[in-house]
Amino acid sequence: MTTHAKGQKQPSLSRHLTITEVCDELGISRSTFYDWRAKRKGPPARKLPNGEIRIERRDYESWLESLYEEAA
């Protein structure tokens, strides 16, 4: 994350997001992220050889878009 002049965090524009970045953007805890991951309800993620998890920004954006419901 980068910091705005007023001290506000701004989402990273990198291709891959960390769990912390995703949680910050969504306003959720890490435990909620892992709960969603276990239930396969979170964004698609990849486990790197070092064990860290990364979410591709395009996958995150697609997943987020898929959550929108049409107004009845």
PDB file of N, CA and C in Angstrom:
ATOM      1  N   MET A   1       0.843  -1.183   0.000  1.00  0.00           N
ATOM      2  CA  MET A   1       0.000   0.000   0.000  1.00  0.00           C
ATOM      3  C   MET A   1       0.884   1.241   0.000  1.00  0.00           C
ATOM      4  N   THR A   2       0.410   2.233  -0.650  1.00  0.00           N
ATOM      5  CA  THR A   2       1.092   3.516  -0.612  1.00  0.00           C
ATOM      6  C   THR A   2       0.280   4.448   0.261  1.00  0.00           C
ATOM      7  N   THR A   3       0.900   5.522   0.698  1.00  0.00           N
ATOM      8  CA  THR A   3       0.204   6.438   1.588  1.00  0.00           C
ATOM      9  C   THR A   3      -0.054   7.758   0.880  1.00  0.00           C
ATOM     10  N   HIS A   4      -1.280   8.247   0.986  1.00  0.00           N
ATOM     11  CA  HIS A   4      -1.657   9.554   0.462  1.00  0.00           C
ATOM     12  C   HIS A   4      -1.008  10.653   1.295  1.00  0.00           C
ATOM     13  N   ALA A   5      -1.037  11.858   0.782  1.00  0.00           N
ATOM     14  CA  ALA A   5      -0.471  12.999   1.515  1.00  0.00           C
ATOM     15  C   ALA A   5      -1.153  13.188   2.868  1.00  0.00           C
ATOM     16  N   LYS A   6      -2.435  12.854   2.967  1.00  0.00           N
ATOM     17  CA  LYS A   6      -3.172  13.026   4.220  1.00  0.00           C
ATOM     18  C   LYS A   6      -3.068  11.803   5.123  1.00  0.00           C
ATOM     19  N   GLY A   7      -2.176  10.859   4.780  1.00  0.00           N
ATOM     20  CA  GLY A   7      -1.978   9.689   5.620  1.00  0.00           C
ATOM     21  C   GLY A   7      -2.941   8.550   5.341  1.00  0.00           C
ATOM     22  N   GLN A   8      -3.798   8.690   4.334  1.00  0.00           N
ATOM     23  CA  GLN A   8      -4.731   7.625   4.000  1.00  0.00           C
ATOM     24  C   GLN A   8      -4.021   6.598   3.134  1.00  0.00           C
ATOM     25  N   LYS A   9      -4.336   5.332   3.374  1.00  0.00           N
ATOM     26  CA  LYS A   9      -3.740   4.287   2.560  1.00  0.00           C
ATOM     27  C   LYS A   9      -4.460   4.224   1.227  1.00  0.00           C
ATOM     28  N   GLN A  10      -3.678   4.022   0.184  1.00  0.00           N
ATOM     29  CA  GLN A  10      -4.213   3.902  -1.155  1.00  0.00           C
ATOM     30  C   GLN A  10      -3.881   2.499  -1.645  1.00  0.00           C
ATOM     31  N   PRO A  11      -4.819   1.808  -2.318  1.00  0.00           N
ATOM     32  CA  PRO A  11      -4.557   0.454  -2.771  1.00  0.00           C
ATOM     33  C   PRO A  11      -3.342   0.383  -3.685  1.00  0.00           C
ATOM     34  N   SER A  12      -2.614  -0.708  -3.570  1.00  0.00           N
ATOM     35  CA  SER A  12      -1.473  -0.932  -4.440  1.00  0.00           C
ATOM     36  C   SER A  12      -1.963  -1.126  -5.868  1.00  0.00           C
ATOM     37  N   LEU A  13      -1.209  -0.622  -6.820  1.00  0.00           N
ATOM     38  CA  LEU A  13      -1.569  -0.791  -8.224  1.00  0.00           C
ATOM     39  C   LEU A  13      -0.763  -1.912  -8.855  1.00  0.00           C
ATOM     40  N   SER A  14      -0.093  -2.721  -8.019  1.00  0.00           N
ATOM     41  CA  SER A  14       0.697  -3.819  -8.543  1.00  0.00           C
ATOM     42  C   SER A  14      -0.216  -4.912  -9.087  1.00  0.00           C
ATOM     43  N   ARG A  15       0.356  -5.796  -9.837  1.00  0.00           N
ATOM     44  CA  ARG A  15      -0.406  -6.872 -10.463  1.00  0.00           C
ATOM     45  C   ARG A  15      -0.912  -7.888  -9.429  1.00  0.00           C
ATOM     46  N   HIS A  16      -0.141  -8.091  -8.371  1.00  0.00           N
ATOM     47  CA  HIS A  16      -0.507  -9.058  -7.343  1.00  0.00           C
ATOM     48  C   HIS A  16      -0.750  -8.362  -6.014  1.00  0.00           C
ATOM     49  N   LEU A  17      -1.800  -8.775  -5.322  1.00  0.00           N
ATOM     50  CA  LEU A  17      -2.151  -8.211  -4.025  1.00  0.00           C
ATOM     51  C   LEU A  17      -1.801  -9.198  -2.922  1.00  0.00           C
ATOM     52  N   THR A  18      -1.434  -8.663  -1.785  1.00  0.00           N
ATOM     53  CA  THR A  18      -1.207  -9.500  -0.608  1.00  0.00           C
ATOM     54  C   THR A  18      -2.546  -9.668   0.116  1.00  0.00           C
ATOM     55  N   ILE A  19      -2.582 -10.588   1.039  1.00  0.00           N
ATOM     56  CA  ILE A  19      -3.784 -10.783   1.847  1.00  0.00           C
ATOM     57  C   ILE A  19      -4.095  -9.501   2.619  1.00  0.00           C
ATOM     58  N   THR A  20      -3.074  -8.865   3.158  1.00  0.00           N
ATOM     59  CA  THR A  20      -3.263  -7.619   3.903  1.00  0.00           C
ATOM     60  C   THR A  20      -3.907  -6.555   3.029  1.00  0.00           C
ATOM     61  N   GLU A  21      -3.448  -6.418   1.791  1.00  0.00           N
ATOM     62  CA  GLU A  21      -4.017  -5.422   0.883  1.00  0.00           C
ATOM     63  C   GLU A  21      -5.483  -5.717   0.578  1.00  0.00           C
ATOM     64  N   VAL A  22      -5.810  -6.986   0.335  1.00  0.00           N
ATOM     65  CA  VAL A  22      -7.200  -7.359   0.054  1.00  0.00           C
ATOM     66  C   VAL A  22      -8.065  -7.086   1.282  1.00  0.00           C
ATOM     67  N   CYS A  23      -7.598  -7.477   2.449  1.00  0.00           N
ATOM     68  CA  CYS A  23      -8.361  -7.248   3.685  1.00  0.00           C
ATOM     69  C   CYS A  23      -8.574  -5.756   3.932  1.00  0.00           C
ATOM     70  N   ASP A  24      -7.541  -4.957   3.694  1.00  0.00           N
ATOM     71  CA  ASP A  24      -7.668  -3.508   3.875  1.00  0.00           C
ATOM     72  C   ASP A  24      -8.682  -2.923   2.901  1.00  0.00           C
ATOM     73  N   GLU A  25      -8.633  -3.349   1.642  1.00  0.00           N
ATOM     74  CA  GLU A  25      -9.569  -2.823   0.640  1.00  0.00           C
ATOM     75  C   GLU A  25     -11.012  -3.185   0.979  1.00  0.00           C
ATOM     76  N   LEU A  26     -11.216  -4.401   1.507  1.00  0.00           N
ATOM     77  CA  LEU A  26     -12.572  -4.867   1.804  1.00  0.00           C
ATOM     78  C   LEU A  26     -13.025  -4.509   3.218  1.00  0.00           C
ATOM     79  N   GLY A  27     -12.092  -4.104   4.062  1.00  0.00           N
ATOM     80  CA  GLY A  27     -12.435  -3.789   5.449  1.00  0.00           C
ATOM     81  C   GLY A  27     -12.790  -5.025   6.253  1.00  0.00           C
ATOM     82  N   ILE A  28     -12.057  -6.123   6.012  1.00  0.00           N
ATOM     83  CA  ILE A  28     -12.307  -7.381   6.717  1.00  0.00           C
ATOM     84  C   ILE A  28     -11.048  -7.809   7.456  1.00  0.00           C
ATOM     85  N   SER A  29     -11.218  -8.749   8.368  1.00  0.00           N
ATOM     86  CA  SER A  29     -10.071  -9.281   9.106  1.00  0.00           C
ATOM     87  C   SER A  29      -9.429 -10.416   8.304  1.00  0.00           C
ATOM     88  N   ARG A  30      -8.183 -10.749   8.683  1.00  0.00           N
ATOM     89  CA  ARG A  30      -7.504 -11.874   8.032  1.00  0.00           C
ATOM     90  C   ARG A  30      -8.276 -13.169   8.270  1.00  0.00           C
ATOM     91  N   SER A  31      -8.864 -13.309   9.456  1.00  0.00           N
ATOM     92  CA  SER A  31      -9.601 -14.544   9.744  1.00  0.00           C
ATOM     93  C   SER A  31     -10.821 -14.674   8.825  1.00  0.00           C
ATOM     94  N   THR A  32     -11.467 -13.555   8.515  1.00  0.00           N
ATOM     95  CA  THR A  32     -12.596 -13.592   7.579  1.00  0.00           C
ATOM     96  C   THR A  32     -12.109 -14.005   6.197  1.00  0.00           C
ATOM     97  N   PHE A  33     -10.965 -13.455   5.768  1.00  0.00           N
ATOM     98  CA  PHE A  33     -10.405 -13.846   4.474  1.00  0.00           C
ATOM     99  C   PHE A  33     -10.167 -15.346   4.432  1.00  0.00           C
ATOM    100  N   TYR A  34      -9.549 -15.881   5.483  1.00  0.00           N
ATOM    101  CA  TYR A  34      -9.260 -17.322   5.510  1.00  0.00           C
ATOM    102  C   TYR A  34     -10.529 -18.161   5.615  1.00  0.00           C
ATOM    103  N   ASP A  35     -11.549 -17.663   6.303  1.00  0.00           N
ATOM    104  CA  ASP A  35     -12.845 -18.362   6.338  1.00  0.00           C
ATOM    105  C   ASP A  35     -13.429 -18.444   4.936  1.00  0.00           C
ATOM    106  N   TRP A  36     -13.436 -17.300   4.233  1.00  0.00           N
ATOM    107  CA  TRP A  36     -13.948 -17.278   2.861  1.00  0.00           C
ATOM    108  C   TRP A  36     -13.138 -18.212   1.969  1.00  0.00           C
ATOM    109  N   ARG A  37     -11.816 -18.194   2.143  1.00  0.00           N
ATOM    110  CA  ARG A  37     -10.939 -19.049   1.335  1.00  0.00           C
ATOM    111  C   ARG A  37     -11.264 -20.518   1.570  1.00  0.00           C
ATOM    112  N   ALA A  38     -11.461 -20.906   2.825  1.00  0.00           N
ATOM    113  CA  ALA A  38     -11.789 -22.295   3.147  1.00  0.00           C
ATOM    114  C   ALA A  38     -13.129 -22.710   2.544  1.00  0.00           C
ATOM    115  N   LYS A  39     -14.061 -21.773   2.471  1.00  0.00           N
ATOM    116  CA  LYS A  39     -15.391 -22.051   1.908  1.00  0.00           C
ATOM    117  C   LYS A  39     -15.441 -21.805   0.401  1.00  0.00           C
ATOM    118  N   ARG A  40     -14.292 -21.437  -0.187  1.00  0.00           N
ATOM    119  CA  ARG A  40     -14.189 -21.123  -1.614  1.00  0.00           C
ATOM    120  C   ARG A  40     -15.138 -20.004  -2.027  1.00  0.00           C
ATOM    121  N   LYS A  41     -15.280 -19.007  -1.148  1.00  0.00           N
ATOM    122  CA  LYS A  41     -16.144 -17.861  -1.423  1.00  0.00           C
ATOM    123  C   LYS A  41     -15.345 -16.581  -1.636  1.00  0.00           C
ATOM    124  N   GLY A  42     -14.041 -16.645  -1.460  1.00  0.00           N
ATOM    125  CA  GLY A  42     -13.195 -15.472  -1.629  1.00  0.00           C
ATOM    126  C   GLY A  42     -12.625 -15.398  -3.034  1.00  0.00           C
ATOM    127  N   PRO A  43     -11.812 -14.389  -3.277  1.00  0.00           N
ATOM    128  CA  PRO A  43     -11.198 -14.250  -4.592  1.00  0.00           C
ATOM    129  C   PRO A  43     -10.188 -15.371  -4.841  1.00  0.00           C
ATOM    130  N   PRO A  44     -10.013 -15.756  -6.109  1.00  0.00           N
ATOM    131  CA  PRO A  44      -9.013 -16.782  -6.420  1.00  0.00           C
ATOM    132  C   PRO A  44      -7.630 -16.329  -5.965  1.00  0.00           C
ATOM    133  N   ALA A  45      -6.880 -17.257  -5.382  1.00  0.00           N
ATOM    134  CA  ALA A  45      -5.557 -16.933  -4.856  1.00  0.00           C
ATOM    135  C   ALA A  45      -4.555 -17.993  -5.288  1.00  0.00           C
ATOM    136  N   ARG A  46      -3.297 -17.610  -5.255  1.00  0.00           N
ATOM    137  CA  ARG A  46      -2.216 -18.530  -5.588  1.00  0.00           C
ATOM    138  C   ARG A  46      -1.240 -18.594  -4.424  1.00  0.00           C
ATOM    139  N   LYS A  47      -0.782 -19.804  -4.136  1.00  0.00           N
ATOM    140  CA  LYS A  47       0.220 -19.971  -3.091  1.00  0.00           C
ATOM    141  C   LYS A  47       1.586 -20.030  -3.770  1.00  0.00           C
ATOM    142  N   LEU A  48       2.462 -19.133  -3.368  1.00  0.00           N
ATOM    143  CA  LEU A  48       3.807 -19.075  -3.921  1.00  0.00           C
ATOM    144  C   LEU A  48       4.679 -20.169  -3.306  1.00  0.00           C
ATOM    145  N   PRO A  49       5.799 -20.505  -3.949  1.00  0.00           N
ATOM    146  CA  PRO A  49       6.678 -21.553  -3.404  1.00  0.00           C
ATOM    147  C   PRO A  49       7.141 -21.277  -1.971  1.00  0.00           C
ATOM    148  N   ASN A  50       7.196 -20.003  -1.581  1.00  0.00           N
ATOM    149  CA  ASN A  50       7.611 -19.676  -0.208  1.00  0.00           C
ATOM    150  C   ASN A  50       6.444 -19.738   0.779  1.00  0.00           C
ATOM    151  N   GLY A  51       5.250 -20.139   0.304  1.00  0.00           N
ATOM    152  CA  GLY A  51       4.089 -20.294   1.172  1.00  0.00           C
ATOM    153  C   GLY A  51       3.197 -19.071   1.255  1.00  0.00           C
ATOM    154  N   GLU A  52       3.663 -17.926   0.738  1.00  0.00           N
ATOM    155  CA  GLU A  52       2.843 -16.715   0.773  1.00  0.00           C
ATOM    156  C   GLU A  52       1.735 -16.810  -0.271  1.00  0.00           C
ATOM    157  N   ILE A  53       0.626 -16.130   0.009  1.00  0.00           N
ATOM    158  CA  ILE A  53      -0.527 -16.145  -0.883  1.00  0.00           C
ATOM    159  C   ILE A  53      -0.621 -14.799  -1.579  1.00  0.00           C
ATOM    160  N   ARG A  54      -0.903 -14.831  -2.879  1.00  0.00           N
ATOM    161  CA  ARG A  54      -1.095 -13.611  -3.660  1.00  0.00           C
ATOM    162  C   ARG A  54      -2.381 -13.742  -4.474  1.00  0.00           C
ATOM    163  N   ILE A  55      -3.030 -12.613  -4.664  1.00  0.00           N
ATOM    164  CA  ILE A  55      -4.257 -12.543  -5.451  1.00  0.00           C
ATOM    165  C   ILE A  55      -3.975 -11.617  -6.628  1.00  0.00           C
ATOM    166  N   GLU A  56      -4.189 -12.112  -7.840  1.00  0.00           N
ATOM    167  CA  GLU A  56      -3.984 -11.247  -8.997  1.00  0.00           C
ATOM    168  C   GLU A  56      -5.072 -10.185  -9.000  1.00  0.00           C
ATOM    169  N   ARG A  57      -4.666  -8.949  -9.259  1.00  0.00           N
ATOM    170  CA  ARG A  57      -5.616  -7.834  -9.239  1.00  0.00           C
ATOM    171  C   ARG A  57      -6.786  -8.098 -10.193  1.00  0.00           C
ATOM    172  N   ARG A  58      -6.531  -8.610 -11.378  1.00  0.00           N
ATOM    173  CA  ARG A  58      -7.633  -8.853 -12.334  1.00  0.00           C
ATOM    174  C   ARG A  58      -8.601  -9.898 -11.790  1.00  0.00           C
ATOM    175  N   ASP A  59      -8.086 -10.928 -11.106  1.00  0.00           N
ATOM    176  CA  ASP A  59      -8.959 -11.940 -10.496  1.00  0.00           C
ATOM    177  C   ASP A  59      -9.776 -11.323  -9.362  1.00  0.00           C
ATOM    178  N   TYR A  60      -9.117 -10.476  -8.582  1.00  0.00           N
ATOM    179  CA  TYR A  60      -9.807  -9.790  -7.482  1.00  0.00           C
ATOM    180  C   TYR A  60     -10.931  -8.908  -8.018  1.00  0.00           C
ATOM    181  N   GLU A  61     -10.627  -8.123  -9.050  1.00  0.00           N
ATOM    182  CA  GLU A  61     -11.634  -7.228  -9.638  1.00  0.00           C
ATOM    183  C   GLU A  61     -12.800  -8.025 -10.225  1.00  0.00           C
ATOM    184  N   SER A  62     -12.511  -9.126 -10.914  1.00  0.00           N
ATOM    185  CA  SER A  62     -13.570  -9.976 -11.481  1.00  0.00           C
ATOM    186  C   SER A  62     -14.433 -10.579 -10.383  1.00  0.00           C
ATOM    187  N   TRP A  63     -13.784 -11.058  -9.331  1.00  0.00           N
ATOM    188  CA  TRP A  63     -14.507 -11.647  -8.205  1.00  0.00           C
ATOM    189  C   TRP A  63     -15.414 -10.600  -7.561  1.00  0.00           C
ATOM    190  N   LEU A  64     -14.878  -9.402  -7.359  1.00  0.00           N
ATOM    191  CA  LEU A  64     -15.651  -8.335  -6.743  1.00  0.00           C
ATOM    192  C   LEU A  64     -16.860  -7.974  -7.612  1.00  0.00           C
ATOM    193  N   GLU A  65     -16.645  -7.885  -8.907  1.00  0.00           N
ATOM    194  CA  GLU A  65     -17.731  -7.576  -9.846  1.00  0.00           C
ATOM    195  C   GLU A  65     -18.821  -8.662  -9.799  1.00  0.00           C
ATOM    196  N   SER A  66     -18.406  -9.911  -9.598  1.00  0.00           N
ATOM    197  CA  SER A  66     -19.369 -11.008  -9.578  1.00  0.00           C
ATOM    198  C   SER A  66     -20.288 -10.962  -8.359  1.00  0.00           C
ATOM    199  N   LEU A  67     -19.928 -10.171  -7.352  1.00  0.00           N
ATOM    200  CA  LEU A  67     -20.732 -10.089  -6.134  1.00  0.00           C
ATOM    201  C   LEU A  67     -21.919  -9.142  -6.252  1.00  0.00           C
ATOM    202  N   TYR A  68     -21.884  -8.289  -7.261  1.00  0.00           N
ATOM    203  CA  TYR A  68     -22.986  -7.330  -7.432  1.00  0.00           C
ATOM    204  C   TYR A  68     -24.262  -8.063  -7.802  1.00  0.00           C
ATOM    205  N   GLU A  69     -25.340  -7.666  -7.164  1.00  0.00           N
ATOM    206  CA  GLU A  69     -26.649  -8.245  -7.470  1.00  0.00           C
ATOM    207  C   GLU A  69     -27.482  -7.181  -8.177  1.00  0.00           C
ATOM    208  N   GLU A  70     -28.271  -7.641  -9.110  1.00  0.00           N
ATOM    209  CA  GLU A  70     -29.166  -6.718  -9.799  1.00  0.00           C
ATOM    210  C   GLU A  70     -30.319  -6.356  -8.862  1.00  0.00           C
ATOM    211  N   ALA A  71     -30.720  -5.084  -8.874  1.00  0.00           N
ATOM    212  CA  ALA A  71     -31.855  -4.665  -8.049  1.00  0.00           C
ATOM    213  C   ALA A  71     -33.125  -5.332  -8.558  1.00  0.00           C
ATOM    214  N   ALA A  72     -33.928  -5.785  -7.631  1.00  0.00           N
ATOM    215  CA  ALA A  72     -35.158  -6.489  -8.016  1.00  0.00           C
ATOM    216  C   ALA A  72     -36.238  -5.520  -8.454  1.00  0.00           C
TER     217      ALA A  72
END
